[in-house]
Full PDB file with SEQRES, HELIX, SHEET, SSBOND, CRYST1, ORIGX, SCALE, CONECT and MASTER records, all heavy atoms in Angstrom:
SEQRES   1 A   37  PHE ALA ILE SER ARG ASP ASN ALA LYS ASN THR LEU TYR          
SEQRES   2 A   37  LEU GLN MET ASN SER LEU LYS SER GLU ASP THR ALA LEU          
SEQRES   3 A   37  TYR TYR CYS ALA ARG ARG ASP ALA ASN TYR ASN                  
HELIX    1 AA1 ASN A    7  LYS A    9  5                                   3    
HELIX    2 AA2 SER A   21  ASP A   23  5                                   3    
SHEET    1 AA1 2 ALA A   2  ASP A   6  0                                        
SHEET    2 AA1 2 THR A  11  GLN A  15 -1                                        
CRYST1    1.000    1.000    1.000  90.00  90.00  90.00 P 1           1          
ORIGX1      1.000000  0.000000  0.000000        0.00000                         
ORIGX2      0.000000  1.000000  0.000000        0.00000                         
ORIGX3      0.000000  0.000000  1.000000        0.00000                         
SCALE1      1.000000  0.000000  0.000000        0.00000                         
SCALE2      0.000000  1.000000  0.000000        0.00000                         
SCALE3      0.000000  0.000000  1.000000        0.00000                         
ATOM      1  N   PHE A   1     115.221  96.383  63.203  1.00  0.00           N  
ATOM      2  CA  PHE A   1     113.873  96.600  63.728  1.00  0.00           C  
ATOM      3  C   PHE A   1     113.464  98.012  63.711  1.00  0.00           C  
ATOM      4  O   PHE A   1     114.342  98.889  63.910  1.00  0.00           O  
ATOM      5  CB  PHE A   1     113.804  96.036  65.168  1.00  0.00           C  
ATOM      6  CG  PHE A   1     113.787  94.545  65.273  1.00  0.00           C  
ATOM      7  CD1 PHE A   1     114.311  93.765  64.231  1.00  0.00           C  
ATOM      8  CD2 PHE A   1     113.218  93.924  66.329  1.00  0.00           C  
ATOM      9  CE1 PHE A   1     114.381  92.379  64.414  1.00  0.00           C  
ATOM     10  CE2 PHE A   1     113.279  92.545  66.570  1.00  0.00           C  
ATOM     11  CZ  PHE A   1     113.805  91.710  65.550  1.00  0.00           C  
ATOM     12  N   ALA A   2     112.180  98.348  63.494  1.00  0.00           N  
ATOM     13  CA  ALA A   2     111.726  99.720  63.512  1.00  0.00           C  
ATOM     14  C   ALA A   2     110.373  99.783  64.202  1.00  0.00           C  
ATOM     15  O   ALA A   2     109.460  98.986  63.823  1.00  0.00           O  
ATOM     16  CB  ALA A   2     111.689 100.226  62.093  1.00  0.00           C  
ATOM     17  N   ILE A   3     110.167 100.666  65.116  1.00  0.00           N  
ATOM     18  CA  ILE A   3     109.035 100.904  65.831  1.00  0.00           C  
ATOM     19  C   ILE A   3     108.316 102.121  65.271  1.00  0.00           C  
ATOM     20  O   ILE A   3     108.917 103.149  65.047  1.00  0.00           O  
ATOM     21  CB  ILE A   3     109.271 101.017  67.341  1.00  0.00           C  
ATOM     22  CG1 ILE A   3     109.890  99.769  67.879  1.00  0.00           C  
ATOM     23  CG2 ILE A   3     107.939 101.342  68.114  1.00  0.00           C  
ATOM     24  CD1 ILE A   3     110.402  99.908  69.334  1.00  0.00           C  
ATOM     25  N   SER A   4     107.021 101.983  65.081  1.00  0.00           N  
ATOM     26  CA  SER A   4     106.198 103.123  64.678  1.00  0.00           C  
ATOM     27  C   SER A   4     104.865 103.094  65.348  1.00  0.00           C  
ATOM     28  O   SER A   4     104.529 102.092  65.959  1.00  0.00           O  
ATOM     29  CB  SER A   4     106.085 103.224  63.167  1.00  0.00           C  
ATOM     30  OG  SER A   4     105.462 102.112  62.659  1.00  0.00           O  
ATOM     31  N   ARG A   5     104.136 104.108  65.197  1.00  0.00           N  
ATOM     32  CA  ARG A   5     102.674 104.165  65.719  1.00  0.00           C  
ATOM     33  C   ARG A   5     101.809 104.879  64.938  1.00  0.00           C  
ATOM     34  O   ARG A   5     102.248 105.949  64.225  1.00  0.00           O  
ATOM     35  CB  ARG A   5     102.732 104.592  67.193  1.00  0.00           C  
ATOM     36  CG  ARG A   5     103.113 106.065  67.409  1.00  0.00           C  
ATOM     37  CD  ARG A   5     103.435 106.329  68.793  1.00  0.00           C  
ATOM     38  NE  ARG A   5     102.287 106.177  69.701  1.00  0.00           N  
ATOM     39  CZ  ARG A   5     102.333 106.098  71.021  1.00  0.00           C  
ATOM     40  NH1 ARG A   5     103.513 106.121  71.661  1.00  0.00           N  
ATOM     41  NH2 ARG A   5     101.203 105.924  71.730  1.00  0.00           N  
ATOM     42  N   ASP A   6     100.520 104.624  64.998  1.00  0.00           N  
ATOM     43  CA  ASP A   6      99.456 105.429  64.363  1.00  0.00           C  
ATOM     44  C   ASP A   6      98.457 105.718  65.479  1.00  0.00           C  
ATOM     45  O   ASP A   6      97.613 104.909  65.774  1.00  0.00           O  
ATOM     46  CB  ASP A   6      98.788 104.668  63.190  1.00  0.00           C  
ATOM     47  CG  ASP A   6      97.860 105.493  62.471  1.00  0.00           C  
ATOM     48  OD1 ASP A   6      97.288 106.513  62.954  1.00  0.00           O  
ATOM     49  OD2 ASP A   6      97.522 105.159  61.304  1.00  0.00           O  
ATOM     50  N   ASN A   7      98.520 106.917  65.977  1.00  0.00           N  
ATOM     51  CA  ASN A   7      97.715 107.265  67.168  1.00  0.00           C  
ATOM     52  C   ASN A   7      96.240 107.309  66.799  1.00  0.00           C  
ATOM     53  O   ASN A   7      95.411 107.176  67.575  1.00  0.00           O  
ATOM     54  CB  ASN A   7      98.180 108.559  67.773  1.00  0.00           C  
ATOM     55  CG  ASN A   7      99.431 108.439  68.594  1.00  0.00           C  
ATOM     56  OD1 ASN A   7      99.874 107.263  69.031  1.00  0.00           O  
ATOM     57  ND2 ASN A   7     100.148 109.470  68.881  1.00  0.00           N  
ATOM     58  N   ALA A   8      95.930 107.739  65.535  1.00  0.00           N  
ATOM     59  CA  ALA A   8      94.541 107.788  65.078  1.00  0.00           C  
ATOM     60  C   ALA A   8      93.912 106.383  65.034  1.00  0.00           C  
ATOM     61  O   ALA A   8      92.745 106.293  65.259  1.00  0.00           O  
ATOM     62  CB  ALA A   8      94.479 108.381  63.709  1.00  0.00           C  
ATOM     63  N   LYS A   9      94.775 105.348  64.901  1.00  0.00           N  
ATOM     64  CA  LYS A   9      94.232 103.961  64.956  1.00  0.00           C  
ATOM     65  C   LYS A   9      94.486 103.249  66.252  1.00  0.00           C  
ATOM     66  O   LYS A   9      94.238 102.071  66.406  1.00  0.00           O  
ATOM     67  CB  LYS A   9      94.821 103.207  63.820  1.00  0.00           C  
ATOM     68  CG  LYS A   9      94.478 103.744  62.415  1.00  0.00           C  
ATOM     69  CD  LYS A   9      95.075 102.905  61.332  1.00  0.00           C  
ATOM     70  CE  LYS A   9      94.706 103.386  59.954  1.00  0.00           C  
ATOM     71  NZ  LYS A   9      95.409 102.597  58.889  1.00  0.00           N  
ATOM     72  N   ASN A  10      95.102 103.939  67.202  1.00  0.00           N  
ATOM     73  CA  ASN A  10      95.457 103.338  68.503  1.00  0.00           C  
ATOM     74  C   ASN A  10      96.238 102.084  68.305  1.00  0.00           C  
ATOM     75  O   ASN A  10      96.055 101.026  68.984  1.00  0.00           O  
ATOM     76  CB  ASN A  10      94.265 103.025  69.292  1.00  0.00           C  
ATOM     77  CG  ASN A  10      93.575 104.237  69.981  1.00  0.00           C  
ATOM     78  OD1 ASN A  10      94.116 105.364  69.901  1.00  0.00           O  
ATOM     79  ND2 ASN A  10      92.348 104.056  70.430  1.00  0.00           N  
ATOM     80  N   THR A  11      97.261 102.151  67.436  1.00  0.00           N  
ATOM     81  CA  THR A  11      98.024 101.008  67.062  1.00  0.00           C  
ATOM     82  C   THR A  11      99.548 101.258  67.063  1.00  0.00           C  
ATOM     83  O   THR A  11      99.955 102.304  66.579  1.00  0.00           O  
ATOM     84  CB  THR A  11      97.610 100.442  65.636  1.00  0.00           C  
ATOM     85  OG1 THR A  11      96.162 100.226  65.683  1.00  0.00           O  
ATOM     86  CG2 THR A  11      98.378  99.187  65.337  1.00  0.00           C  
ATOM     87  N   LEU A  12     100.276 100.292  67.604  1.00  0.00           N  
ATOM     88  CA  LEU A  12     101.721 100.289  67.682  1.00  0.00           C  
ATOM     89  C   LEU A  12     102.173  99.264  66.660  1.00  0.00           C  
ATOM     90  O   LEU A  12     101.560  98.163  66.605  1.00  0.00           O  
ATOM     91  CB  LEU A  12     102.178 100.052  69.116  1.00  0.00           C  
ATOM     92  CG  LEU A  12     103.699  99.956  69.319  1.00  0.00           C  
ATOM     93  CD1 LEU A  12     104.328 101.296  69.312  1.00  0.00           C  
ATOM     94  CD2 LEU A  12     103.976  99.267  70.710  1.00  0.00           C  
ATOM     95  N   TYR A  13     103.386  99.521  66.060  1.00  0.00           N  
ATOM     96  CA  TYR A  13     103.932  98.628  65.090  1.00  0.00           C  
ATOM     97  C   TYR A  13     105.354  98.253  65.364  1.00  0.00           C  
ATOM     98  O   TYR A  13     106.102  99.038  65.964  1.00  0.00           O  
ATOM     99  CB  TYR A  13     103.793  99.165  63.696  1.00  0.00           C  
ATOM    100  CG  TYR A  13     102.463  99.516  63.159  1.00  0.00           C  
ATOM    101  CD1 TYR A  13     102.020 100.862  63.256  1.00  0.00           C  
ATOM    102  CD2 TYR A  13     101.555  98.571  62.746  1.00  0.00           C  
ATOM    103  CE1 TYR A  13     100.764 101.179  62.866  1.00  0.00           C  
ATOM    104  CE2 TYR A  13     100.272  98.974  62.346  1.00  0.00           C  
ATOM    105  CZ  TYR A  13      99.895 100.249  62.390  1.00  0.00           C  
ATOM    106  OH  TYR A  13      98.646 100.583  61.974  1.00  0.00           O  
ATOM    107  N   LEU A  14     105.670  97.062  64.957  1.00  0.00           N  
ATOM    108  CA  LEU A  14     107.131  96.675  64.946  1.00  0.00           C  
ATOM    109  C   LEU A  14     107.427  95.959  63.681  1.00  0.00           C  
ATOM    110  O   LEU A  14     106.926  94.943  63.321  1.00  0.00           O  
ATOM    111  CB  LEU A  14     107.372  95.617  66.078  1.00  0.00           C  
ATOM    112  CG  LEU A  14     108.795  95.097  66.192  1.00  0.00           C  
ATOM    113  CD1 LEU A  14     109.777  96.237  66.497  1.00  0.00           C  
ATOM    114  CD2 LEU A  14     108.905  94.028  67.297  1.00  0.00           C  
ATOM    115  N   GLN A  15     108.242  96.662  62.906  1.00  0.00           N  
ATOM    116  CA  GLN A  15     108.713  96.090  61.576  1.00  0.00           C  
ATOM    117  C   GLN A  15     110.105  95.342  61.843  1.00  0.00           C  
ATOM    118  O   GLN A  15     110.999  95.984  62.458  1.00  0.00           O  
ATOM    119  CB  GLN A  15     108.997  97.214  60.544  1.00  0.00           C  
ATOM    120  CG  GLN A  15     109.488  96.728  59.243  1.00  0.00           C  
ATOM    121  CD  GLN A  15     108.513  95.847  58.470  1.00  0.00           C  
ATOM    122  OE1 GLN A  15     107.330  96.198  58.312  1.00  0.00           O  
ATOM    123  NE2 GLN A  15     109.013  94.763  57.905  1.00  0.00           N  
ATOM    124  N   MET A  16     110.099  94.142  61.438  1.00  0.00           N  
ATOM    125  CA  MET A  16     111.280  93.287  61.683  1.00  0.00           C  
ATOM    126  C   MET A  16     111.832  92.813  60.331  1.00  0.00           C  
ATOM    127  O   MET A  16     111.140  92.115  59.667  1.00  0.00           O  
ATOM    128  CB  MET A  16     110.958  92.087  62.618  1.00  0.00           C  
ATOM    129  CG  MET A  16     110.395  92.498  63.938  1.00  0.00           C  
ATOM    130  SD  MET A  16     109.918  91.087  64.987  1.00  0.00           S  
ATOM    131  CE  MET A  16     108.555  90.476  64.084  1.00  0.00           C  
ATOM    132  N   ASN A  17     113.066  93.104  60.123  1.00  0.00           N  
ATOM    133  CA  ASN A  17     113.753  92.778  58.841  1.00  0.00           C  
ATOM    134  C   ASN A  17     114.959  91.950  59.138  1.00  0.00           C  
ATOM    135  O   ASN A  17     115.507  91.948  60.174  1.00  0.00           O  
ATOM    136  CB  ASN A  17     114.124  94.057  58.033  1.00  0.00           C  
ATOM    137  CG  ASN A  17     112.941  94.914  57.658  1.00  0.00           C  
ATOM    138  OD1 ASN A  17     111.872  94.404  57.298  1.00  0.00           O  
ATOM    139  ND2 ASN A  17     113.141  96.225  57.793  1.00  0.00           N  
ATOM    140  N   SER A  18     115.444  91.304  58.061  1.00  0.00           N  
ATOM    141  CA  SER A  18     116.678  90.436  58.162  1.00  0.00           C  
ATOM    142  C   SER A  18     116.658  89.546  59.411  1.00  0.00           C  
ATOM    143  O   SER A  18     117.594  89.484  60.187  1.00  0.00           O  
ATOM    144  CB  SER A  18     117.892  91.381  58.229  1.00  0.00           C  
ATOM    145  OG  SER A  18     117.958  92.176  57.083  1.00  0.00           O  
ATOM    146  N   LEU A  19     115.515  88.868  59.571  1.00  0.00           N  
ATOM    147  CA  LEU A  19     115.343  88.008  60.749  1.00  0.00           C  
ATOM    148  C   LEU A  19     116.320  86.924  60.842  1.00  0.00           C  
ATOM    149  O   LEU A  19     116.690  86.286  59.866  1.00  0.00           O  
ATOM    150  CB  LEU A  19     113.898  87.564  60.798  1.00  0.00           C  
ATOM    151  CG  LEU A  19     112.864  88.606  61.164  1.00  0.00           C  
ATOM    152  CD1 LEU A  19     111.476  88.114  60.788  1.00  0.00           C  
ATOM    153  CD2 LEU A  19     112.978  88.940  62.615  1.00  0.00           C  
ATOM    154  N   LYS A  20     116.762  86.618  62.073  1.00  0.00           N  
ATOM    155  CA  LYS A  20     117.724  85.557  62.405  1.00  0.00           C  
ATOM    156  C   LYS A  20     117.083  84.596  63.277  1.00  0.00           C  
ATOM    157  O   LYS A  20     116.079  84.880  63.913  1.00  0.00           O  
ATOM    158  CB  LYS A  20     118.897  86.160  63.101  1.00  0.00           C  
ATOM    159  CG  LYS A  20     119.607  87.343  62.364  1.00  0.00           C  
ATOM    160  CD  LYS A  20     120.700  87.914  63.279  1.00  0.00           C  
ATOM    161  CE  LYS A  20     121.312  89.117  62.536  1.00  0.00           C  
ATOM    162  NZ  LYS A  20     122.349  89.780  63.404  1.00  0.00           N  
ATOM    163  N   SER A  21     117.651  83.321  63.333  1.00  0.00           N  
ATOM    164  CA  SER A  21     117.077  82.368  64.196  1.00  0.00           C  
ATOM    165  C   SER A  21     116.983  82.773  65.663  1.00  0.00           C  
ATOM    166  O   SER A  21     116.023  82.391  66.363  1.00  0.00           O  
ATOM    167  CB  SER A  21     117.907  81.029  64.146  1.00  0.00           C  
ATOM    168  OG  SER A  21     119.244  81.288  64.482  1.00  0.00           O  
ATOM    169  N   GLU A  22     117.959  83.613  66.072  1.00  0.00           N  
ATOM    170  CA  GLU A  22     117.904  84.124  67.524  1.00  0.00           C  
ATOM    171  C   GLU A  22     116.864  85.138  67.731  1.00  0.00           C  
ATOM    172  O   GLU A  22     116.574  85.478  68.928  1.00  0.00           O  
ATOM    173  CB  GLU A  22     119.286  84.674  67.861  1.00  0.00           C  
ATOM    174  CG  GLU A  22     119.838  85.741  66.924  1.00  0.00           C  
ATOM    175  CD  GLU A  22     120.844  85.193  65.918  1.00  0.00           C  
ATOM    176  OE1 GLU A  22     120.574  84.116  65.361  1.00  0.00           O  
ATOM    177  OE2 GLU A  22     121.837  85.820  65.688  1.00  0.00           O  
ATOM    178  N   ASP A  23     116.167  85.534  66.665  1.00  0.00           N  
ATOM    179  CA  ASP A  23     114.999  86.405  66.866  1.00  0.00           C  
ATOM    180  C   ASP A  23     113.694  85.618  67.235  1.00  0.00           C  
ATOM    181  O   ASP A  23     112.700  86.176  67.536  1.00  0.00           O  
ATOM    182  CB  ASP A  23     114.675  87.238  65.610  1.00  0.00           C  
ATOM    183  CG  ASP A  23     115.841  88.261  65.330  1.00  0.00           C  
ATOM    184  OD1 ASP A  23     116.316  88.819  66.259  1.00  0.00           O  
ATOM    185  OD2 ASP A  23     116.145  88.387  64.123  1.00  0.00           O  
ATOM    186  N   THR A  24     113.825  84.332  67.170  1.00  0.00           N  
ATOM    187  CA  THR A  24     112.702  83.575  67.548  1.00  0.00           C  
ATOM    188  C   THR A  24     112.322  83.801  69.018  1.00  0.00           C  
ATOM    189  O   THR A  24     113.149  83.621  69.882  1.00  0.00           O  
ATOM    190  CB  THR A  24     113.000  82.023  67.405  1.00  0.00           C  
ATOM    191  OG1 THR A  24     113.179  81.685  66.014  1.00  0.00           O  
ATOM    192  CG2 THR A  24     111.908  81.169  67.939  1.00  0.00           C  
ATOM    193  N   ALA A  25     111.141  84.196  69.208  1.00  0.00           N  
ATOM    194  CA  ALA A  25     110.762  84.732  70.585  1.00  0.00           C  
ATOM    195  C   ALA A  25     109.266  85.010  70.622  1.00  0.00           C  
ATOM    196  O   ALA A  25     108.597  85.097  69.571  1.00  0.00           O  
ATOM    197  CB  ALA A  25     111.550  85.845  70.999  1.00  0.00           C  
ATOM    198  N   LEU A  26     108.775  85.230  71.822  1.00  0.00           N  
ATOM    199  CA  LEU A  26     107.439  85.749  72.041  1.00  0.00           C  
ATOM    200  C   LEU A  26     107.676  87.330  72.158  1.00  0.00           C  
ATOM    201  O   LEU A  26     108.406  87.723  72.995  1.00  0.00           O  
ATOM    202  CB  LEU A  26     106.788  85.143  73.291  1.00  0.00           C  
ATOM    203  CG  LEU A  26     105.368  85.423  73.492  1.00  0.00           C  
ATOM    204  CD1 LEU A  26     104.461  84.860  72.491  1.00  0.00           C  
ATOM    205  CD2 LEU A  26     104.996  84.862  74.867  1.00  0.00           C  
ATOM    206  N   TYR A  27     106.849  88.022  71.423  1.00  0.00           N  
ATOM    207  CA  TYR A  27     107.023  89.459  71.399  1.00  0.00           C  
ATOM    208  C   TYR A  27     105.788  90.091  72.085  1.00  0.00           C  
ATOM    209  O   TYR A  27     104.640  89.795  71.759  1.00  0.00           O  
ATOM    210  CB  TYR A  27     107.142  89.973  69.994  1.00  0.00           C  
ATOM    211  CG  TYR A  27     108.449  89.631  69.345  1.00  0.00           C  
ATOM    212  CD1 TYR A  27     108.775  88.367  68.948  1.00  0.00           C  
ATOM    213  CD2 TYR A  27     109.426  90.600  69.291  1.00  0.00           C  
ATOM    214  CE1 TYR A  27     110.002  88.029  68.390  1.00  0.00           C  
ATOM    215  CE2 TYR A  27     110.704  90.359  68.738  1.00  0.00           C  
ATOM    216  CZ  TYR A  27     110.955  89.057  68.322  1.00  0.00           C  
ATOM    217  OH  TYR A  27     112.216  88.778  67.739  1.00  0.00           O  
ATOM    218  N   TYR A  28     106.133  91.093  72.893  1.00  0.00           N  
ATOM    219  CA  TYR A  28     105.085  91.808  73.605  1.00  0.00           C  
ATOM    220  C   TYR A  28     105.149  93.275  73.320  1.00  0.00           C  
ATOM    221  O   TYR A  28     106.236  93.855  73.255  1.00  0.00           O  
ATOM    222  CB  TYR A  28     105.253  91.650  75.233  1.00  0.00           C  
ATOM    223  CG  TYR A  28     105.257  90.236  75.702  1.00  0.00           C  
ATOM    224  CD1 TYR A  28     106.418  89.469  75.817  1.00  0.00           C  
ATOM    225  CD2 TYR A  28     104.068  89.678  76.137  1.00  0.00           C  
ATOM    226  CE1 TYR A  28     106.366  88.221  76.276  1.00  0.00           C  
ATOM    227  CE2 TYR A  28     104.071  88.309  76.655  1.00  0.00           C  
ATOM    228  CZ  TYR A  28     105.260  87.615  76.744  1.00  0.00           C  
ATOM    229  OH  TYR A  28     105.223  86.365  77.214  1.00  0.00           O  
ATOM    230  N   CYS A  29     104.037  93.953  73.349  1.00  0.00           N  
ATOM    231  CA  CYS A  29     103.992  95.360  73.474  1.00  0.00           C  
ATOM    232  C   CYS A  29     103.684  95.751  74.868  1.00  0.00           C  
ATOM    233  O   CYS A  29     103.016  94.998  75.611  1.00  0.00           O  
ATOM    234  CB  CYS A  29     103.039  96.026  72.481  1.00  0.00           C  
ATOM    235  SG  CYS A  29     101.268  95.674  72.729  1.00  0.00           S  
ATOM    236  N   ALA A  30     104.115  96.907  75.300  1.00  0.00           N  
ATOM    237  CA  ALA A  30     103.914  97.298  76.688  1.00  0.00           C  
ATOM    238  C   ALA A  30     103.706  98.821  76.806  1.00  0.00           C  
ATOM    239  O   ALA A  30     104.415  99.598  76.046  1.00  0.00           O  
ATOM    240  CB  ALA A  30     105.062  96.883  77.563  1.00  0.00           C  
ATOM    241  N   ARG A  31     102.839  99.264  77.614  1.00  0.00           N  
ATOM    242  CA  ARG A  31     102.619 100.683  77.969  1.00  0.00           C  
ATOM    243  C   ARG A  31     103.631 101.142  78.993  1.00  0.00           C  
ATOM    244  O   ARG A  31     103.921 100.357  79.867  1.00  0.00           O  
ATOM    245  CB  ARG A  31     101.213 100.873  78.400  1.00  0.00           C  
ATOM    246  CG  ARG A  31     100.797 102.313  78.563  1.00  0.00           C  
ATOM    247  CD  ARG A  31      99.396 102.401  79.046  1.00  0.00           C  
ATOM    248  NE  ARG A  31      99.272 102.140  80.545  1.00  0.00           N  
ATOM    249  CZ  ARG A  31      98.199 102.367  81.247  1.00  0.00           C  
ATOM    250  NH1 ARG A  31      97.149 102.906  80.694  1.00  0.00           N  
ATOM    251  NH2 ARG A  31      98.204 102.114  82.540  1.00  0.00           N  
ATOM    252  N   ARG A  32     104.023 102.309  78.939  1.00  0.00           N  
ATOM    253  CA  ARG A  32     104.983 102.823  79.860  1.00  0.00           C  
ATOM    254  C   ARG A  32     104.409 104.037  80.633  1.00  0.00           C  
ATOM    255  O   ARG A  32     103.813 104.869  80.092  1.00  0.00           O  
ATOM    256  CB  ARG A  32     106.283 103.360  79.149  1.00  0.00           C  
ATOM    257  CG  ARG A  32     106.896 102.184  78.308  1.00  0.00           C  
ATOM    258  CD  ARG A  32     108.325 102.523  77.860  1.00  0.00           C  
ATOM    259  NE  ARG A  32     109.202 102.311  79.013  1.00  0.00           N  
ATOM    260  CZ  ARG A  32     110.529 102.190  78.913  1.00  0.00           C  
ATOM    261  NH1 ARG A  32     111.144 102.220  77.740  1.00  0.00           N  
ATOM    262  NH2 ARG A  32     111.278 102.051  79.924  1.00  0.00           N  
ATOM    263  N   ASP A  33     104.625 103.909  81.921  1.00  0.00           N  
ATOM    264  CA  ASP A  33     104.008 104.860  82.908  1.00  0.00           C  
ATOM    265  C   ASP A  33     105.004 105.985  83.129  1.00  0.00           C  
ATOM    266  O   ASP A  33     105.919 105.861  83.879  1.00  0.00           O  
ATOM    267  CB  ASP A  33     103.583 104.212  84.149  1.00  0.00           C  
ATOM    268  CG  ASP A  33     102.820 105.080  85.129  1.00  0.00           C  
ATOM    269  OD1 ASP A  33     102.713 106.296  84.874  1.00  0.00           O  
ATOM    270  OD2 ASP A  33     102.385 104.627  86.190  1.00  0.00           O  
ATOM    271  N   ALA A  34     104.770 107.178  82.596  1.00  0.00           N  
ATOM    272  CA  ALA A  34     105.633 108.291  82.789  1.00  0.00           C  
ATOM    273  C   ALA A  34     105.683 108.848  84.215  1.00  0.00           C  
ATOM    274  O   ALA A  34     106.600 109.498  84.624  1.00  0.00           O  
ATOM    275  CB  ALA A  34     105.214 109.436  81.820  1.00  0.00           C  
ATOM    276  N   ASN A  35     104.668 108.509  84.950  1.00  0.00           N  
ATOM    277  CA  ASN A  35     104.590 108.914  86.361  1.00  0.00           C  
ATOM    278  C   ASN A  35     105.264 107.878  87.344  1.00  0.00           C  
ATOM    279  O   ASN A  35     105.182 108.127  88.525  1.00  0.00           O  
ATOM    280  CB  ASN A  35     103.192 109.161  86.750  1.00  0.00           C  
ATOM    281  CG  ASN A  35     102.539 110.323  86.031  1.00  0.00           C  
ATOM    282  OD1 ASN A  35     103.197 111.375  85.877  1.00  0.00           O  
ATOM    283  ND2 ASN A  35     101.307 110.119  85.622  1.00  0.00           N  
ATOM    284  N   TYR A  36     105.811 106.820  86.806  1.00  0.00           N  
ATOM    285  CA  TYR A  36     106.479 105.816  87.634  1.00  0.00           C  
ATOM    286  C   TYR A  36     107.751 105.353  86.901  1.00  0.00           C  
ATOM    287  O   TYR A  36     107.926 104.240  86.650  1.00  0.00           O  
ATOM    288  CB  TYR A  36     105.554 104.637  87.905  1.00  0.00           C  
ATOM    289  CG  TYR A  36     106.030 103.751  89.055  1.00  0.00           C  
ATOM    290  CD1 TYR A  36     106.016 104.274  90.411  1.00  0.00           C  
ATOM    291  CD2 TYR A  36     106.358 102.490  88.782  1.00  0.00           C  
ATOM    292  CE1 TYR A  36     106.489 103.442  91.404  1.00  0.00           C  
ATOM    293  CE2 TYR A  36     106.798 101.661  89.825  1.00  0.00           C  
ATOM    294  CZ  TYR A  36     106.886 102.160  91.112  1.00  0.00           C  
ATOM    295  OH  TYR A  36     107.297 101.392  92.175  1.00  0.00           O  
ATOM    296  N   ASN A  37     108.545 106.353  86.689  1.00  0.00           N  
ATOM    297  CA  ASN A  37     109.936 106.048  86.014  1.00  0.00           C  
ATOM    298  C   ASN A  37     109.796 105.256  84.727  1.00  0.00           C  
ATOM    299  O   ASN A  37     110.639 104.485  84.381  1.00  0.00           O  
ATOM    300  CB  ASN A  37     110.791 105.356  87.032  1.00  0.00           C  
ATOM    301  CG  ASN A  37     112.288 105.478  86.689  1.00  0.00           C  
ATOM    302  OD1 ASN A  37     112.728 106.445  86.029  1.00  0.00           O  
ATOM    303  ND2 ASN A  37     113.054 104.426  87.057  1.00  0.00           N  
TER     304      ASN A  37                                                      
MASTER        0    0    0    2    2    0    0    6  303    1    0    3          
END                                                                             
């Protein structure tokens, strides 16, 4: 898996390769608050 972002497009990406059955899931992106750990 590889995470990247394009700040000019306000977009976050997740590239997933060699997927396995155990990768079956619901995937979420999340913002992290630097002021709250």
